[in-house]
Amino acid sequence: MKTYYKVNIRLNGELFNRRSKREFDSLLFDIHDYVGLKSQITQQKKGCLYGKGL
């Protein structure tokens, strides 16, 4: 069973120049990376609970 957590992110500002767009893309990458790592850690913890440790 998967558990999903809702995350709300509010960004203020405008994306008129290349630097802003790069920073926004970098932020999106960091968010996806964090969510992926969080899910891996959660799965590893569940694996240890069920005797499927590392």
PDB file of N, CA and C in Angstrom:
ATOM      1  N   MET A   1       0.837  -1.175   0.000  1.00  0.00           N
ATOM      2  CA  MET A   1       0.000   0.000   0.000  1.00  0.00           C
ATOM      3  C   MET A   1       0.886   1.243   0.000  1.00  0.00           C
ATOM      4  N   LYS A   2       0.600   2.158  -0.898  1.00  0.00           N
ATOM      5  CA  LYS A   2       1.378   3.382  -0.983  1.00  0.00           C
ATOM      6  C   LYS A   2       0.670   4.497  -0.230  1.00  0.00           C
ATOM      7  N   THR A   3       1.470   5.318   0.418  1.00  0.00           N
ATOM      8  CA  THR A   3       0.945   6.492   1.096  1.00  0.00           C
ATOM      9  C   THR A   3       1.444   7.725   0.362  1.00  0.00           C
ATOM     10  N   TYR A   4       0.549   8.595   0.028  1.00  0.00           N
ATOM     11  CA  TYR A   4       0.913   9.817  -0.665  1.00  0.00           C
ATOM     12  C   TYR A   4       0.696  11.002   0.260  1.00  0.00           C
ATOM     13  N   TYR A   5       1.655  11.894   0.238  1.00  0.00           N
ATOM     14  CA  TYR A   5       1.555  13.103   1.037  1.00  0.00           C
ATOM     15  C   TYR A   5       1.409  14.285   0.089  1.00  0.00           C
ATOM     16  N   LYS A   6       0.494  15.148   0.394  1.00  0.00           N
ATOM     17  CA  LYS A   6       0.274  16.324  -0.425  1.00  0.00           C
ATOM     18  C   LYS A   6       1.191  17.444   0.047  1.00  0.00           C
ATOM     19  N   VAL A   7       1.916  18.015  -0.886  1.00  0.00           N
ATOM     20  CA  VAL A   7       2.830  19.101  -0.577  1.00  0.00           C
ATOM     21  C   VAL A   7       2.400  20.316  -1.386  1.00  0.00           C
ATOM     22  N   ASN A   8       2.203  21.409  -0.714  1.00  0.00           N
ATOM     23  CA  ASN A   8       1.868  22.657  -1.389  1.00  0.00           C
ATOM     24  C   ASN A   8       3.071  23.579  -1.349  1.00  0.00           C
ATOM     25  N   ILE A   9       3.420  24.093  -2.513  1.00  0.00           N
ATOM     26  CA  ILE A   9       4.534  25.024  -2.607  1.00  0.00           C
ATOM     27  C   ILE A   9       4.022  26.274  -3.291  1.00  0.00           C
ATOM     28  N   ARG A  10       4.251  27.381  -2.672  1.00  0.00           N
ATOM     29  CA  ARG A  10       3.809  28.654  -3.240  1.00  0.00           C
ATOM     30  C   ARG A  10       5.037  29.470  -3.626  1.00  0.00           C
ATOM     31  N   LEU A  11       5.118  29.812  -4.880  1.00  0.00           N
ATOM     32  CA  LEU A  11       6.239  30.594  -5.371  1.00  0.00           C
ATOM     33  C   LEU A  11       5.745  31.975  -5.769  1.00  0.00           C
ATOM     34  N   ASN A  12       6.427  32.964  -5.306  1.00  0.00           N
ATOM     35  CA  ASN A  12       6.100  34.341  -5.673  1.00  0.00           C
ATOM     36  C   ASN A  12       7.175  34.854  -6.616  1.00  0.00           C
ATOM     37  N   GLY A  13       6.769  35.517  -7.644  1.00  0.00           N
ATOM     38  CA  GLY A  13       7.732  36.076  -8.580  1.00  0.00           C
ATOM     39  C   GLY A  13       7.331  35.768 -10.007  1.00  0.00           C
ATOM     40  N   GLU A  14       8.209  36.113 -10.908  1.00  0.00           N
ATOM     41  CA  GLU A  14       7.930  35.941 -12.320  1.00  0.00           C
ATOM     42  C   GLU A  14       9.113  35.266 -12.995  1.00  0.00           C
ATOM     43  N   LEU A  15       8.835  34.573 -14.077  1.00  0.00           N
ATOM     44  CA  LEU A  15       9.868  33.855 -14.810  1.00  0.00           C
ATOM     45  C   LEU A  15      10.117  34.532 -16.155  1.00  0.00           C
ATOM     46  N   PHE A  16      10.634  35.739 -16.112  1.00  0.00           N
ATOM     47  CA  PHE A  16      10.847  36.472 -17.352  1.00  0.00           C
ATOM     48  C   PHE A  16      12.239  36.246 -17.941  1.00  0.00           C
ATOM     49  N   ASN A  17      13.196  35.940 -17.126  1.00  0.00           N
ATOM     50  CA  ASN A  17      14.543  35.815 -17.678  1.00  0.00           C
ATOM     51  C   ASN A  17      15.065  34.390 -17.538  1.00  0.00           C
ATOM     52  N   ARG A  18      16.164  34.108 -18.205  1.00  0.00           N
ATOM     53  CA  ARG A  18      16.733  32.754 -18.214  1.00  0.00           C
ATOM     54  C   ARG A  18      17.178  32.315 -16.827  1.00  0.00           C
ATOM     55  N   ARG A  19      17.737  33.246 -16.063  1.00  0.00           N
ATOM     56  CA  ARG A  19      18.224  32.888 -14.724  1.00  0.00           C
ATOM     57  C   ARG A  19      17.067  32.416 -13.849  1.00  0.00           C
ATOM     58  N   SER A  20      15.945  33.114 -13.888  1.00  0.00           N
ATOM     59  CA  SER A  20      14.783  32.714 -13.095  1.00  0.00           C
ATOM     60  C   SER A  20      14.286  31.336 -13.510  1.00  0.00           C
ATOM     61  N   LYS A  21      14.277  31.083 -14.813  1.00  0.00           N
ATOM     62  CA  LYS A  21      13.821  29.777 -15.297  1.00  0.00           C
ATOM     63  C   LYS A  21      14.770  28.674 -14.854  1.00  0.00           C
ATOM     64  N   ARG A  22      16.080  28.931 -14.892  1.00  0.00           N
ATOM     65  CA  ARG A  22      17.050  27.930 -14.427  1.00  0.00           C
ATOM     66  C   ARG A  22      16.877  27.664 -12.941  1.00  0.00           C
ATOM     67  N   GLU A  23      16.688  28.718 -12.171  1.00  0.00           N
ATOM     68  CA  GLU A  23      16.498  28.548 -10.727  1.00  0.00           C
ATOM     69  C   GLU A  23      15.223  27.766 -10.441  1.00  0.00           C
ATOM     70  N   PHE A  24      14.170  28.030 -11.205  1.00  0.00           N
ATOM     71  CA  PHE A  24      12.918  27.306 -11.029  1.00  0.00           C
ATOM     72  C   PHE A  24      13.100  25.833 -11.394  1.00  0.00           C
ATOM     73  N   ASP A  25      13.786  25.549 -12.505  1.00  0.00           N
ATOM     74  CA  ASP A  25      14.053  24.165 -12.897  1.00  0.00           C
ATOM     75  C   ASP A  25      14.891  23.455 -11.842  1.00  0.00           C
ATOM     76  N   SER A  26      15.848  24.169 -11.268  1.00  0.00           N
ATOM     77  CA  SER A  26      16.686  23.592 -10.218  1.00  0.00           C
ATOM     78  C   SER A  26      15.846  23.269  -8.981  1.00  0.00           C
ATOM     79  N   LEU A  27      14.937  24.159  -8.651  1.00  0.00           N
ATOM     80  CA  LEU A  27      14.054  23.924  -7.506  1.00  0.00           C
ATOM     81  C   LEU A  27      13.167  22.705  -7.743  1.00  0.00           C
ATOM     82  N   LEU A  28      12.605  22.586  -8.942  1.00  0.00           N
ATOM     83  CA  LEU A  28      11.778  21.414  -9.257  1.00  0.00           C
ATOM     84  C   LEU A  28      12.585  20.129  -9.162  1.00  0.00           C
ATOM     85  N   PHE A  29      13.824  20.156  -9.652  1.00  0.00           N
ATOM     86  CA  PHE A  29      14.689  18.983  -9.565  1.00  0.00           C
ATOM     87  C   PHE A  29      14.925  18.609  -8.107  1.00  0.00           C
ATOM     88  N   ASP A  30      15.217  19.599  -7.278  1.00  0.00           N
ATOM     89  CA  ASP A  30      15.459  19.336  -5.854  1.00  0.00           C
ATOM     90  C   ASP A  30      14.228  18.737  -5.178  1.00  0.00           C
ATOM     91  N   ILE A  31      13.059  19.227  -5.538  1.00  0.00           N
ATOM     92  CA  ILE A  31      11.823  18.707  -4.949  1.00  0.00           C
ATOM     93  C   ILE A  31      11.628  17.253  -5.346  1.00  0.00           C
ATOM     94  N   HIS A  32      11.783  16.952  -6.632  1.00  0.00           N
ATOM     95  CA  HIS A  32      11.624  15.571  -7.097  1.00  0.00           C
ATOM     96  C   HIS A  32      12.665  14.659  -6.461  1.00  0.00           C
ATOM     97  N   ASP A  33      13.885  15.152  -6.317  1.00  0.00           N
ATOM     98  CA  ASP A  33      14.954  14.377  -5.698  1.00  0.00           C
ATOM     99  C   ASP A  33      14.621  14.077  -4.240  1.00  0.00           C
ATOM    100  N   TYR A  34      14.151  15.076  -3.511  1.00  0.00           N
ATOM    101  CA  TYR A  34      13.783  14.897  -2.108  1.00  0.00           C
ATOM    102  C   TYR A  34      12.661  13.870  -1.968  1.00  0.00           C
ATOM    103  N   VAL A  35      11.646  13.995  -2.811  1.00  0.00           N
ATOM    104  CA  VAL A  35      10.513  13.068  -2.736  1.00  0.00           C
ATOM    105  C   VAL A  35      10.976  11.647  -3.042  1.00  0.00           C
ATOM    106  N   GLY A  36      11.847  11.499  -4.031  1.00  0.00           N
ATOM    107  CA  GLY A  36      12.362  10.172  -4.368  1.00  0.00           C
ATOM    108  C   GLY A  36      13.175   9.569  -3.235  1.00  0.00           C
ATOM    109  N   LEU A  37      14.057  10.357  -2.635  1.00  0.00           N
ATOM    110  CA  LEU A  37      14.860   9.863  -1.514  1.00  0.00           C
ATOM    111  C   LEU A  37      13.984   9.525  -0.313  1.00  0.00           C
ATOM    112  N   LYS A  38      12.991  10.347  -0.063  1.00  0.00           N
ATOM    113  CA  LYS A  38      12.080  10.106   1.057  1.00  0.00           C
ATOM    114  C   LYS A  38      11.352   8.778   0.866  1.00  0.00           C
ATOM    115  N   SER A  39      10.898   8.496  -0.346  1.00  0.00           N
ATOM    116  CA  SER A  39      10.189   7.242  -0.590  1.00  0.00           C
ATOM    117  C   SER A  39      11.136   6.052  -0.469  1.00  0.00           C
ATOM    118  N   GLN A  40      12.391   6.196  -0.901  1.00  0.00           N
ATOM    119  CA  GLN A  40      13.358   5.107  -0.763  1.00  0.00           C
ATOM    120  C   GLN A  40      13.624   4.792   0.705  1.00  0.00           C
ATOM    121  N   ILE A  41      13.783   5.828   1.510  1.00  0.00           N
ATOM    122  CA  ILE A  41      14.035   5.631   2.941  1.00  0.00           C
ATOM    123  C   ILE A  41      12.833   4.961   3.590  1.00  0.00           C
ATOM    124  N   THR A  42      11.641   5.390   3.219  1.00  0.00           N
ATOM    125  CA  THR A  42      10.429   4.797   3.772  1.00  0.00           C
ATOM    126  C   THR A  42      10.339   3.327   3.409  1.00  0.00           C
ATOM    127  N   GLN A  43      10.666   2.982   2.164  1.00  0.00           N
ATOM    128  CA  GLN A  43      10.621   1.593   1.734  1.00  0.00           C
ATOM    129  C   GLN A  43      11.660   0.758   2.463  1.00  0.00           C
ATOM    130  N   GLN A  44      12.850   1.323   2.678  1.00  0.00           N
ATOM    131  CA  GLN A  44      13.889   0.599   3.395  1.00  0.00           C
ATOM    132  C   GLN A  44      13.473   0.337   4.836  1.00  0.00           C
ATOM    133  N   LYS A  45      12.852   1.325   5.464  1.00  0.00           N
ATOM    134  CA  LYS A  45      12.393   1.134   6.838  1.00  0.00           C
ATOM    135  C   LYS A  45      11.335   0.056   6.903  1.00  0.00           C
ATOM    136  N   LYS A  46      10.425   0.038   5.939  1.00  0.00           N
ATOM    137  CA  LYS A  46       9.389  -0.991   5.912  1.00  0.00           C
ATOM    138  C   LYS A  46      10.013  -2.358   5.683  1.00  0.00           C
ATOM    139  N   GLY A  47      11.043  -2.413   4.814  1.00  0.00           N
ATOM    140  CA  GLY A  47      11.733  -3.668   4.565  1.00  0.00           C
ATOM    141  C   GLY A  47      12.382  -4.222   5.815  1.00  0.00           C
ATOM    142  N   CYS A  48      12.969  -3.351   6.626  1.00  0.00           N
ATOM    143  CA  CYS A  48      13.593  -3.781   7.875  1.00  0.00           C
ATOM    144  C   CYS A  48      12.552  -4.279   8.859  1.00  0.00           C
ATOM    145  N   LEU A  49      11.376  -3.675   8.852  1.00  0.00           N
ATOM    146  CA  LEU A  49      10.321  -4.099   9.755  1.00  0.00           C
ATOM    147  C   LEU A  49       9.814  -5.486   9.415  1.00  0.00           C
ATOM    148  N   TYR A  50       9.852  -5.835   8.132  1.00  0.00           N
ATOM    149  CA  TYR A  50       9.358  -7.130   7.690  1.00  0.00           C
ATOM    150  C   TYR A  50      10.456  -8.150   7.492  1.00  0.00           C
ATOM    151  N   GLY A  51      11.638  -7.871   8.005  1.00  0.00           N
ATOM    152  CA  GLY A  51      12.742  -8.830   7.927  1.00  0.00           C
ATOM    153  C   GLY A  51      13.437  -8.872   6.583  1.00  0.00           C
ATOM    154  N   LYS A  52      13.266  -7.825   5.783  1.00  0.00           N
ATOM    155  CA  LYS A  52      13.913  -7.772   4.472  1.00  0.00           C
ATOM    156  C   LYS A  52      14.996  -6.717   4.499  1.00  0.00           C
ATOM    157  N   GLY A  53      15.766  -6.675   5.524  1.00  0.00           N
ATOM    158  CA  GLY A  53      16.756  -5.620   5.714  1.00  0.00           C
ATOM    159  C   GLY A  53      17.744  -5.495   4.580  1.00  0.00           C
ATOM    160  N   LEU A  54      18.606  -4.516   4.707  1.00  0.00           N
ATOM    161  CA  LEU A  54      19.565  -4.209   3.658  1.00  0.00           C
ATOM    162  C   LEU A  54      20.522  -5.308   3.477  1.00  0.00           C
TER     163      LEU A  54
END
